[in-house]
Amino acid sequence: MKRTMNEVHDGNCAVAATAEIIGTKWTSLILHDLSEGPRRFMELEHSCPGISPRTLSERLDMLEGQGVLMRRSYPESPPRVEYELTEKGRALLPVIREMRRFGRAWMVVEPASRRTASARR
């Protein structure tokens, strides 16, 4: 069956389903941070200046509910909680890498020192 341009992007649309996860503000940055390994709540909060603790908590809960990350609690005093990507979350990393590549190529102006160094290569 051929799709038409006017077709609605509903729950059966793979792009819409993926955008539902990564299109929410802060989510791509959280995934980017978790790509480097497990992180604690405060580490994620500090790496996303401007995010409120409530919003971060909501995003982490949503990502856990989607099966993108897992929350691990350690029985220590004080209690320690870490967030880590699942296999499904790691499968999103190529999308995040392409976002970085696009951003560097089209959105972010390189500092003059980096431009000069790369021009010499």
N, C-alpha and C. Protein backbone atom coordinates (compact mmCIF):
# COMPACT_ATOMS: atom_id res chain seq x y z
N MET A 1 0.83 -1.17 0.00
CA MET A 1 0.00 0.00 0.00
C MET A 1 0.89 1.24 0.00
N LYS A 2 0.64 2.14 -0.90
CA LYS A 2 1.43 3.35 -1.01
C LYS A 2 0.91 4.39 -0.02
N ARG A 3 1.84 5.06 0.66
CA ARG A 3 1.47 6.10 1.61
C ARG A 3 1.35 7.43 0.89
N THR A 4 0.46 8.26 1.38
CA THR A 4 0.29 9.58 0.79
C THR A 4 0.89 10.63 1.72
N MET A 5 1.16 11.82 1.17
CA MET A 5 1.75 12.90 1.94
C MET A 5 0.82 13.37 3.06
N ASN A 6 -0.47 13.23 2.92
CA ASN A 6 -1.42 13.75 3.91
C ASN A 6 -1.72 12.76 5.03
N GLU A 7 -1.08 11.60 5.02
CA GLU A 7 -1.35 10.60 6.04
C GLU A 7 -0.91 11.10 7.42
N VAL A 8 -1.70 10.79 8.42
CA VAL A 8 -1.43 11.25 9.78
C VAL A 8 -0.35 10.36 10.40
N HIS A 9 0.55 11.00 11.16
CA HIS A 9 1.58 10.25 11.88
C HIS A 9 0.98 9.82 13.22
N ASP A 10 0.48 8.60 13.25
CA ASP A 10 -0.16 8.10 14.46
C ASP A 10 0.73 7.11 15.18
N GLY A 11 0.17 6.33 16.06
CA GLY A 11 0.92 5.36 16.85
C GLY A 11 1.60 4.28 16.03
N ASN A 12 1.23 4.14 14.76
CA ASN A 12 1.86 3.14 13.90
C ASN A 12 3.03 3.72 13.12
N CYS A 13 3.34 4.99 13.32
CA CYS A 13 4.44 5.64 12.62
C CYS A 13 5.71 5.52 13.46
N ALA A 14 6.73 4.87 12.91
CA ALA A 14 7.98 4.66 13.64
C ALA A 14 8.67 5.98 13.98
N VAL A 15 8.62 6.95 13.08
CA VAL A 15 9.26 8.25 13.35
C VAL A 15 8.54 8.96 14.49
N ALA A 16 7.22 8.95 14.47
CA ALA A 16 6.45 9.60 15.53
C ALA A 16 6.71 8.91 16.88
N ALA A 17 6.81 7.59 16.87
CA ALA A 17 7.05 6.85 18.12
C ALA A 17 8.42 7.18 18.69
N THR A 18 9.43 7.29 17.82
CA THR A 18 10.77 7.63 18.27
C THR A 18 10.83 9.09 18.73
N ALA A 19 10.18 9.97 17.99
CA ALA A 19 10.15 11.39 18.35
C ALA A 19 9.47 11.58 19.70
N GLU A 20 8.52 10.72 20.03
CA GLU A 20 7.85 10.79 21.32
C GLU A 20 8.86 10.62 22.46
N ILE A 21 9.88 9.80 22.22
CA ILE A 21 10.91 9.58 23.24
C ILE A 21 11.95 10.70 23.20
N ILE A 22 12.60 10.90 22.07
CA ILE A 22 13.74 11.82 22.04
C ILE A 22 13.35 13.27 21.78
N GLY A 23 12.11 13.52 21.38
CA GLY A 23 11.70 14.88 21.06
C GLY A 23 11.32 15.72 22.25
N THR A 24 11.19 15.12 23.40
CA THR A 24 10.84 15.86 24.61
C THR A 24 12.06 16.63 25.10
N LYS A 25 11.85 17.89 25.49
CA LYS A 25 12.96 18.73 25.93
C LYS A 25 13.77 18.03 27.01
N TRP A 26 15.07 18.09 26.90
CA TRP A 26 16.07 17.55 27.80
C TRP A 26 16.38 16.08 27.57
N THR A 27 15.49 15.34 26.95
CA THR A 27 15.67 13.89 26.85
C THR A 27 16.91 13.51 26.06
N SER A 28 17.15 14.17 24.94
CA SER A 28 18.33 13.86 24.14
C SER A 28 19.61 14.13 24.92
N LEU A 29 19.61 15.20 25.71
CA LEU A 29 20.80 15.52 26.51
C LEU A 29 21.01 14.48 27.61
N ILE A 30 19.94 14.01 28.20
CA ILE A 30 20.04 12.97 29.23
C ILE A 30 20.60 11.69 28.60
N LEU A 31 20.09 11.32 27.43
CA LEU A 31 20.59 10.14 26.74
C LEU A 31 22.07 10.31 26.39
N HIS A 32 22.44 11.50 25.93
CA HIS A 32 23.83 11.78 25.60
C HIS A 32 24.72 11.59 26.83
N ASP A 33 24.30 12.11 27.98
CA ASP A 33 25.08 11.96 29.21
C ASP A 33 25.18 10.50 29.62
N LEU A 34 24.09 9.77 29.52
CA LEU A 34 24.09 8.36 29.92
C LEU A 34 24.87 7.49 28.94
N SER A 35 25.17 8.01 27.75
CA SER A 35 25.96 7.24 26.78
C SER A 35 27.37 7.01 27.30
N GLU A 36 27.80 7.83 28.26
CA GLU A 36 29.14 7.72 28.82
C GLU A 36 29.19 6.80 30.03
N GLY A 37 28.03 6.25 30.43
CA GLY A 37 27.99 5.33 31.56
C GLY A 37 26.94 5.76 32.58
N PRO A 38 26.79 4.96 33.62
CA PRO A 38 25.78 5.26 34.65
C PRO A 38 26.02 6.63 35.28
N ARG A 39 24.94 7.28 35.63
CA ARG A 39 25.01 8.61 36.25
C ARG A 39 24.03 8.67 37.42
N ARG A 40 24.40 9.47 38.40
CA ARG A 40 23.51 9.75 39.51
C ARG A 40 22.66 10.95 39.16
N PHE A 41 21.58 11.13 39.92
CA PHE A 41 20.64 12.21 39.66
C PHE A 41 21.34 13.57 39.63
N MET A 42 22.15 13.83 40.63
CA MET A 42 22.83 15.14 40.72
C MET A 42 23.79 15.35 39.55
N GLU A 43 24.44 14.30 39.08
CA GLU A 43 25.34 14.43 37.93
C GLU A 43 24.54 14.85 36.69
N LEU A 44 23.39 14.22 36.51
CA LEU A 44 22.54 14.58 35.37
C LEU A 44 22.02 16.00 35.52
N GLU A 45 21.65 16.37 36.71
CA GLU A 45 21.13 17.71 36.97
C GLU A 45 22.19 18.77 36.66
N HIS A 46 23.43 18.53 37.07
CA HIS A 46 24.51 19.49 36.84
C HIS A 46 24.92 19.56 35.38
N SER A 47 24.76 18.48 34.64
CA SER A 47 25.16 18.49 33.23
C SER A 47 24.11 19.15 32.34
N CYS A 48 22.93 19.41 32.86
CA CYS A 48 21.85 20.05 32.10
C CYS A 48 21.46 21.36 32.80
N PRO A 49 22.29 22.39 32.70
CA PRO A 49 21.96 23.66 33.39
C PRO A 49 20.59 24.17 32.95
N GLY A 50 19.77 24.50 33.93
CA GLY A 50 18.44 25.02 33.63
C GLY A 50 17.32 24.01 33.83
N ILE A 51 17.66 22.74 33.93
CA ILE A 51 16.61 21.73 34.15
C ILE A 51 16.24 21.74 35.64
N SER A 52 14.95 21.68 35.91
CA SER A 52 14.53 21.63 37.31
C SER A 52 14.58 20.18 37.79
N PRO A 53 14.77 19.97 39.08
CA PRO A 53 14.76 18.60 39.60
C PRO A 53 13.46 17.87 39.26
N ARG A 54 12.34 18.58 39.29
CA ARG A 54 11.06 17.95 38.95
C ARG A 54 11.03 17.47 37.50
N THR A 55 11.50 18.31 36.59
CA THR A 55 11.52 17.94 35.18
C THR A 55 12.46 16.78 34.94
N LEU A 56 13.64 16.82 35.55
CA LEU A 56 14.58 15.71 35.40
C LEU A 56 13.96 14.42 35.91
N SER A 57 13.32 14.48 37.06
CA SER A 57 12.66 13.30 37.62
C SER A 57 11.59 12.77 36.68
N GLU A 58 10.80 13.67 36.09
CA GLU A 58 9.76 13.26 35.14
C GLU A 58 10.37 12.60 33.92
N ARG A 59 11.46 13.18 33.37
CA ARG A 59 12.10 12.60 32.19
C ARG A 59 12.67 11.23 32.49
N LEU A 60 13.32 11.09 33.65
CA LEU A 60 13.89 9.80 34.03
C LEU A 60 12.80 8.76 34.21
N ASP A 61 11.69 9.14 34.84
CA ASP A 61 10.56 8.21 35.01
C ASP A 61 10.00 7.80 33.66
N MET A 62 9.85 8.76 32.74
CA MET A 62 9.33 8.47 31.40
C MET A 62 10.26 7.51 30.66
N LEU A 63 11.57 7.78 30.71
CA LEU A 63 12.53 6.93 30.02
C LEU A 63 12.59 5.53 30.64
N GLU A 64 12.43 5.46 31.94
CA GLU A 64 12.38 4.14 32.59
C GLU A 64 11.12 3.40 32.17
N GLY A 65 10.00 4.11 32.12
CA GLY A 65 8.74 3.50 31.69
C GLY A 65 8.77 3.02 30.25
N GLN A 66 9.54 3.72 29.41
CA GLN A 66 9.69 3.32 28.00
C GLN A 66 10.71 2.20 27.84
N GLY A 67 11.41 1.84 28.91
CA GLY A 67 12.42 0.79 28.82
C GLY A 67 13.74 1.27 28.24
N VAL A 68 13.97 2.59 28.25
CA VAL A 68 15.18 3.17 27.68
C VAL A 68 16.31 3.21 28.71
N LEU A 69 15.96 3.34 29.97
CA LEU A 69 16.98 3.32 31.02
C LEU A 69 16.46 2.52 32.20
N MET A 70 17.40 2.13 33.05
CA MET A 70 17.02 1.45 34.28
C MET A 70 17.58 2.23 35.45
N ARG A 71 16.85 2.14 36.53
CA ARG A 71 17.22 2.81 37.78
C ARG A 71 17.73 1.74 38.73
N ARG A 72 18.93 1.96 39.24
CA ARG A 72 19.50 1.00 40.19
C ARG A 72 19.68 1.67 41.54
N SER A 73 19.16 1.02 42.56
CA SER A 73 19.30 1.50 43.93
C SER A 73 20.30 0.61 44.66
N TYR A 74 21.19 1.23 45.39
CA TYR A 74 22.18 0.50 46.16
C TYR A 74 21.90 0.69 47.65
N PRO A 75 21.87 -0.42 48.39
CA PRO A 75 21.54 -0.35 49.83
C PRO A 75 22.72 0.17 50.64
N GLU A 76 22.99 1.46 50.48
CA GLU A 76 24.09 2.08 51.20
C GLU A 76 23.52 3.20 52.07
N SER A 77 24.37 3.75 52.91
CA SER A 77 23.95 4.89 53.71
C SER A 77 24.92 6.03 53.43
N PRO A 78 24.48 7.12 52.82
CA PRO A 78 23.13 7.37 52.32
C PRO A 78 22.83 6.53 51.08
N PRO A 79 21.54 6.33 50.78
CA PRO A 79 21.17 5.52 49.62
C PRO A 79 21.75 6.11 48.32
N ARG A 80 22.17 5.24 47.44
CA ARG A 80 22.73 5.67 46.16
C ARG A 80 21.85 5.11 45.04
N VAL A 81 21.49 5.98 44.09
CA VAL A 81 20.69 5.59 42.93
C VAL A 81 21.45 6.01 41.69
N GLU A 82 21.54 5.10 40.73
CA GLU A 82 22.18 5.41 39.45
C GLU A 82 21.21 5.06 38.32
N TYR A 83 21.38 5.78 37.22
CA TYR A 83 20.58 5.55 36.02
C TYR A 83 21.53 5.09 34.93
N GLU A 84 21.08 4.08 34.16
CA GLU A 84 21.91 3.49 33.13
C GLU A 84 21.04 3.11 31.94
N LEU A 85 21.61 3.26 30.74
CA LEU A 85 20.86 2.89 29.54
C LEU A 85 20.65 1.39 29.46
N THR A 86 19.52 0.99 28.95
CA THR A 86 19.24 -0.41 28.66
C THR A 86 19.69 -0.67 27.22
N GLU A 87 19.48 -1.87 26.76
CA GLU A 87 19.80 -2.20 25.36
C GLU A 87 18.99 -1.31 24.42
N LYS A 88 17.72 -1.09 24.75
CA LYS A 88 16.88 -0.21 23.94
C LYS A 88 17.43 1.22 23.94
N GLY A 89 17.89 1.68 25.09
CA GLY A 89 18.48 3.02 25.18
C GLY A 89 19.76 3.13 24.39
N ARG A 90 20.60 2.10 24.46
CA ARG A 90 21.86 2.11 23.68
C ARG A 90 21.57 2.09 22.18
N ALA A 91 20.45 1.51 21.80
CA ALA A 91 20.08 1.48 20.38
C ALA A 91 19.72 2.88 19.86
N LEU A 92 19.42 3.81 20.76
CA LEU A 92 19.14 5.20 20.37
C LEU A 92 20.41 6.03 20.17
N LEU A 93 21.55 5.52 20.62
CA LEU A 93 22.78 6.31 20.58
C LEU A 93 23.22 6.71 19.17
N PRO A 94 23.03 5.89 18.15
CA PRO A 94 23.37 6.37 16.80
C PRO A 94 22.56 7.62 16.40
N VAL A 95 21.33 7.70 16.86
CA VAL A 95 20.51 8.89 16.59
C VAL A 95 21.13 10.10 17.29
N ILE A 96 21.55 9.93 18.54
CA ILE A 96 22.16 11.01 19.31
C ILE A 96 23.48 11.43 18.66
N ARG A 97 24.27 10.45 18.20
CA ARG A 97 25.54 10.78 17.52
C ARG A 97 25.29 11.59 16.25
N GLU A 98 24.25 11.22 15.50
CA GLU A 98 23.92 11.98 14.29
C GLU A 98 23.44 13.39 14.63
N MET A 99 22.75 13.54 15.75
CA MET A 99 22.34 14.87 16.19
C MET A 99 23.58 15.72 16.50
N ARG A 100 24.58 15.10 17.16
CA ARG A 100 25.82 15.80 17.46
C ARG A 100 26.53 16.20 16.17
N ARG A 101 26.60 15.26 15.24
CA ARG A 101 27.27 15.53 13.96
C ARG A 101 26.57 16.66 13.22
N PHE A 102 25.25 16.63 13.16
CA PHE A 102 24.49 17.70 12.51
C PHE A 102 24.72 19.03 13.21
N GLY A 103 24.65 19.01 14.54
CA GLY A 103 24.84 20.24 15.31
C GLY A 103 26.20 20.86 15.08
N ARG A 104 27.23 20.03 15.04
CA ARG A 104 28.58 20.55 14.79
C ARG A 104 28.72 21.10 13.38
N ALA A 105 28.08 20.44 12.42
CA ALA A 105 28.20 20.87 11.03
C ALA A 105 27.35 22.09 10.69
N TRP A 106 26.18 22.20 11.32
CA TRP A 106 25.22 23.20 10.88
C TRP A 106 24.76 24.20 11.93
N MET A 107 24.91 23.88 13.21
CA MET A 107 24.28 24.71 14.24
C MET A 107 25.26 25.44 15.16
N VAL A 108 26.38 24.83 15.47
CA VAL A 108 27.31 25.38 16.45
C VAL A 108 28.52 25.94 15.74
N VAL A 109 28.83 27.19 16.02
CA VAL A 109 30.01 27.81 15.44
C VAL A 109 31.22 27.38 16.27
N GLU A 110 32.22 26.84 15.59
CA GLU A 110 33.44 26.41 16.28
C GLU A 110 34.22 27.63 16.75
N PRO A 111 34.87 27.53 17.92
CA PRO A 111 35.75 28.62 18.33
C PRO A 111 36.87 28.79 17.30
N ALA A 112 37.37 30.00 17.15
CA ALA A 112 38.40 30.30 16.15
C ALA A 112 39.62 29.41 16.32
N SER A 113 40.01 29.09 17.56
CA SER A 113 41.19 28.27 17.79
C SER A 113 41.01 26.87 17.21
N ARG A 114 39.81 26.31 17.31
CA ARG A 114 39.56 24.97 16.75
C ARG A 114 39.51 25.02 15.23
N ARG A 115 38.91 26.09 14.67
CA ARG A 115 38.84 26.23 13.21
C ARG A 115 40.24 26.32 12.63
N THR A 116 41.11 27.10 13.27
CA THR A 116 42.46 27.29 12.79
C THR A 116 43.23 25.97 12.84
N ALA A 117 43.09 25.24 13.94
CA ALA A 117 43.79 23.96 14.08
C ALA A 117 43.30 22.95 13.06
N SER A 118 41.99 22.90 12.80
CA SER A 118 41.47 21.92 11.84
C SER A 118 41.82 22.33 10.42
N ALA A 119 41.98 23.62 10.16
CA ALA A 119 42.34 24.07 8.82
C ALA A 119 43.77 23.69 8.49
N ARG A 120 44.64 23.59 9.52
CA ARG A 120 46.04 23.23 9.30
C ARG A 120 46.21 21.75 9.00
N ARG A 121 45.23 20.94 9.34
CA ARG A 121 45.36 19.48 9.12
C ARG A 121 45.17 19.09 7.71
